[in-house]
Protein backbone atom coordinates (compact mmCIF):
# COMPACT_ATOMS: atom_id res chain seq x y z
CA MET A 1 0.00 0.00 0.00
CA SER A 2 1.18 3.48 -0.79
CA VAL A 3 1.29 6.23 1.82
CA SER A 4 -1.78 7.91 0.33
CA GLU A 5 -3.71 4.60 0.46
CA VAL A 6 -2.77 4.14 4.11
CA LEU A 7 -3.80 7.73 4.84
CA MET A 8 -7.18 7.12 3.18
CA LEU A 9 -7.55 3.89 5.16
CA VAL A 10 -6.87 5.78 8.40
CA ILE A 11 -9.28 8.62 7.58
CA GLY A 12 -11.83 6.09 6.43
CA ALA A 13 -11.54 4.05 9.63
CA ILE A 14 -12.11 7.16 11.71
CA LEU A 15 -14.92 8.80 9.77
CA VAL A 16 -16.38 6.60 7.03
CA THR A 17 -16.18 2.99 8.24
CA ASN A 18 -16.41 3.97 11.89
CA VAL A 19 -16.76 0.81 13.99
CA VAL A 20 -19.74 2.21 15.88
CA PHE A 21 -21.72 3.88 13.11
CA GLN A 22 -20.90 1.80 10.05
CA MET A 23 -20.15 -1.65 11.47
CA PHE A 24 -22.32 -1.40 14.62
CA LEU A 25 -19.56 -2.82 16.81
CA GLY A 26 -18.94 -1.69 20.37
CA ILE A 27 -22.49 -0.43 20.92
CA CYS A 28 -22.66 -1.61 24.57
CA PRO A 29 -19.85 0.63 25.85
CA TYR A 30 -20.93 3.35 23.41
CA LEU A 31 -24.33 3.59 25.11
CA GLY A 32 -23.25 2.57 28.61
CA VAL A 33 -20.17 4.70 29.25
CA SER A 34 -21.23 7.84 27.41
CA LYS A 35 -23.07 9.59 30.23
CA GLN A 36 -20.01 11.60 31.29
CA LEU A 37 -17.31 13.01 29.08
CA ASP A 38 -14.48 11.96 31.43
CA SER A 39 -15.48 8.30 31.54
CA ALA A 40 -16.17 8.27 27.78
CA LEU A 41 -12.70 9.62 27.05
CA GLY A 42 -11.18 7.11 29.47
CA MET A 43 -13.06 4.26 27.83
CA GLY A 44 -11.94 5.47 24.42
CA MET A 45 -8.33 5.55 25.53
CA ALA A 46 -8.58 2.09 27.09
CA VAL A 47 -10.17 0.69 23.93
CA ALA A 48 -7.50 2.41 21.80
CA PHE A 49 -4.75 0.86 23.87
CA VAL A 50 -6.28 -2.62 23.91
CA MET A 51 -7.33 -2.55 20.24
CA THR A 52 -3.92 -1.47 18.98
CA LEU A 53 -2.08 -3.87 21.25
CA ALA A 54 -4.48 -6.70 20.35
CA VAL A 55 -3.74 -6.28 16.65
CA ALA A 56 -0.02 -5.95 17.42
CA VAL A 57 -0.14 -9.39 19.08
CA THR A 58 -2.78 -11.19 17.01
CA TRP A 59 -1.32 -10.37 13.57
CA PRO A 60 2.01 -12.13 14.22
CA LEU A 61 0.18 -14.96 15.98
CA GLN A 62 -1.93 -15.53 12.88
CA TYR A 63 0.84 -15.30 10.29
CA TYR A 64 3.75 -16.85 12.20
CA ILE A 65 2.09 -19.50 14.37
CA LEU A 66 -1.49 -20.39 13.41
CA GLU A 67 -1.20 -20.43 9.61
CA PRO A 68 2.16 -22.25 9.41
CA LEU A 69 0.84 -24.94 11.74
CA GLY A 70 -2.44 -25.23 9.82
CA LEU A 71 -4.41 -23.91 12.81
CA GLY A 72 -5.91 -20.83 11.15
CA TYR A 73 -9.39 -21.99 12.14
CA LEU A 74 -8.47 -21.32 15.81
CA LYS A 75 -7.90 -17.60 15.27
CA THR A 76 -11.15 -16.44 16.87
CA ILE A 77 -10.54 -18.42 20.07
CA ALA A 78 -6.87 -17.40 20.20
CA PHE A 79 -7.73 -13.74 19.57
CA ILE A 80 -10.35 -13.73 22.34
CA LEU A 81 -7.84 -15.17 24.81
CA ILE A 82 -5.29 -12.53 23.88
CA ILE A 83 -7.84 -9.72 24.15
CA ALA A 84 -9.01 -10.99 27.55
CA SER A 85 -5.43 -11.03 28.80
CA LEU A 86 -4.79 -7.50 27.55
CA VAL A 87 -7.96 -6.21 29.21
CA GLN A 88 -6.86 -7.73 32.52
CA PHE A 89 -3.56 -5.90 32.12
CA VAL A 90 -5.35 -2.59 31.45
CA GLU A 91 -7.68 -3.15 34.40
CA ILE A 92 -4.77 -3.78 36.79
CA ALA A 93 -2.87 -0.76 35.45
CA LEU A 94 -5.86 1.59 35.73
CA LYS A 95 -6.63 0.36 39.24
CA ARG A 96 -3.12 1.36 40.32
CA VAL A 97 -2.55 4.47 38.21
CA ALA A 98 -5.98 6.08 37.75
CA ARG A 99 -8.27 4.85 40.51
CA GLY A 100 -10.99 7.43 39.72
CA LEU A 101 -11.16 6.42 36.07
CA TYR A 102 -11.14 2.75 37.09
CA GLU A 103 -14.18 3.33 39.32
CA ALA A 104 -15.93 5.54 36.74
CA LEU A 105 -15.65 2.84 34.08
CA GLY A 106 -16.99 0.27 36.53
CA ILE A 107 -18.37 -2.87 34.94
CA TYR A 108 -17.65 -1.60 31.44
CA LEU A 109 -13.90 -2.01 31.83
CA PRO A 110 -13.98 -5.83 32.07
CA LEU A 111 -16.58 -5.75 29.30
CA ILE A 112 -13.87 -4.54 26.92
CA THR A 113 -13.01 -8.24 26.78
CA THR A 114 -16.29 -8.88 25.02
CA ASN A 115 -16.26 -5.62 23.06
CA CYS A 116 -16.82 -6.95 19.58
CA ALA A 117 -15.13 -3.86 18.09
CA ILE A 118 -11.74 -5.07 19.30
CA LEU A 119 -12.19 -8.61 18.01
CA GLY A 120 -13.78 -7.29 14.83
CA VAL A 121 -10.87 -4.99 14.01
CA ALA A 122 -8.34 -7.75 14.73
CA LEU A 123 -10.21 -10.12 12.42
CA LEU A 124 -10.70 -7.46 9.72
CA ALA A 125 -6.97 -6.72 9.68
CA ILE A 126 -6.38 -10.40 8.90
CA GLN A 127 -9.32 -10.72 6.49
CA ASN A 128 -8.26 -7.66 4.49
CA GLU A 129 -4.69 -9.02 4.36
CA TYR A 130 -3.08 -5.83 5.63
CA ASN A 131 0.62 -6.04 6.37
CA TYR A 132 1.79 -5.48 9.94
CA PRO A 133 2.32 -1.67 9.89
CA VAL A 134 -0.94 -1.10 8.00
CA SER A 135 -2.77 -3.38 10.46
CA LEU A 136 -1.46 -1.31 13.37
CA ALA A 137 -2.47 1.93 11.63
CA TYR A 138 -5.92 0.50 10.91
CA ALA A 139 -6.35 -0.64 14.52
CA PHE A 140 -5.31 2.71 15.94
CA ALA A 141 -7.51 4.61 13.48
CA SER A 142 -10.50 2.38 14.27
CA ALA A 143 -9.91 3.02 17.98
CA ALA A 144 -9.68 6.75 17.27
CA GLY A 145 -13.01 6.51 15.44
CA PHE A 146 -14.56 4.70 18.41
CA THR A 147 -13.16 7.34 20.77
CA LEU A 148 -14.43 10.17 18.58
CA ALA A 149 -17.90 8.62 18.47
CA ILE A 150 -18.15 8.02 22.21
CA VAL A 151 -16.74 11.45 23.15
CA ILE A 152 -19.14 13.29 20.82
CA PHE A 153 -22.04 11.26 22.17
CA ALA A 154 -20.99 11.90 25.78
CA GLY A 155 -20.73 15.63 25.13
CA VAL A 156 -24.22 15.72 23.68
CA ARG A 157 -25.60 13.61 26.55
CA GLU A 158 -24.06 15.95 29.11
CA ARG A 159 -25.75 18.89 27.38
CA LEU A 160 -29.05 16.96 27.34
CA GLU A 161 -28.92 16.73 31.13
CA LEU A 162 -29.24 20.54 31.21
CA MET A 163 -32.09 20.64 28.70
CA ASP A 164 -35.82 20.45 29.28
CA VAL A 165 -36.54 17.14 27.55
CA PRO A 166 -40.16 15.95 27.37
CA LYS A 167 -40.77 13.25 29.99
CA VAL A 168 -41.71 10.67 27.36
CA LEU A 169 -38.25 11.05 25.78
CA ALA A 170 -36.19 11.44 28.96
CA GLY A 171 -33.34 9.01 29.54
CA ALA A 172 -32.67 6.20 27.08
CA PRO A 173 -35.16 7.27 24.37
CA ILE A 174 -33.54 10.67 23.79
CA ALA A 175 -30.09 9.07 23.96
CA LEU A 176 -31.04 6.65 21.17
CA VAL A 177 -32.51 9.47 19.07
CA VAL A 178 -29.31 11.47 19.49
CA ALA A 179 -27.18 8.41 18.66
CA GLY A 180 -29.15 8.02 15.45
CA ILE A 181 -28.69 11.67 14.51
CA ILE A 182 -24.95 11.48 15.15
CA ALA A 183 -24.75 8.30 13.04
CA MET A 184 -26.57 10.09 10.20
CA ALA A 185 -24.11 12.97 10.48
CA PHE A 186 -21.23 10.52 10.07
CA MET A 187 -22.92 9.11 6.99
CA GLY A 188 -22.08 12.44 5.35
CA PHE A 189 -18.46 11.27 5.19
CA THR A 190 -19.41 8.25 3.06
CA GLY A 191 -18.43 9.94 -0.22
CA LEU A 192 -14.96 10.71 1.12
CA GLY A 193 -12.25 9.24 -1.03
CA LYS A 194 -14.34 8.59 -4.15
């Protein structure tokens, strides 16, 4: 891939093929951790770290261990085990370094293990046959897209707390309406790169 193709892949992963809005991956933390901007940013950073590191570990595992041994069919199980281990590492690190963020993320931090966005990006990097540096760029850009989505949504939800929302729409209904509007706004980037 040329530099311009990698740049388009990165921009596309952030804006056009955003894991939340285009692929509908990572919806649980997107809706669950987006009530406060601080926790949304923390979740985005944790997902970015785990997603990039997961691809950094799973790509060589696939191409240097699983495929040469004829065990390519085990990639999903192997990738899940690696992601679970990385999440445990992040959880331990946050508990020691950023106790407030650890408590703010609550149950959603261990749920990164089952965040399908991380597994999906790792599998897509293999499926699309990206080389190692491009896979890392794709993973980081996808994580940046996830972070952008969750931070925008959290900012809007914080503003909604100050608004006079009709009782019938208060809470989850207005959050889902706003999520839909934000997703439609991101659809405006679809023509990018054509």
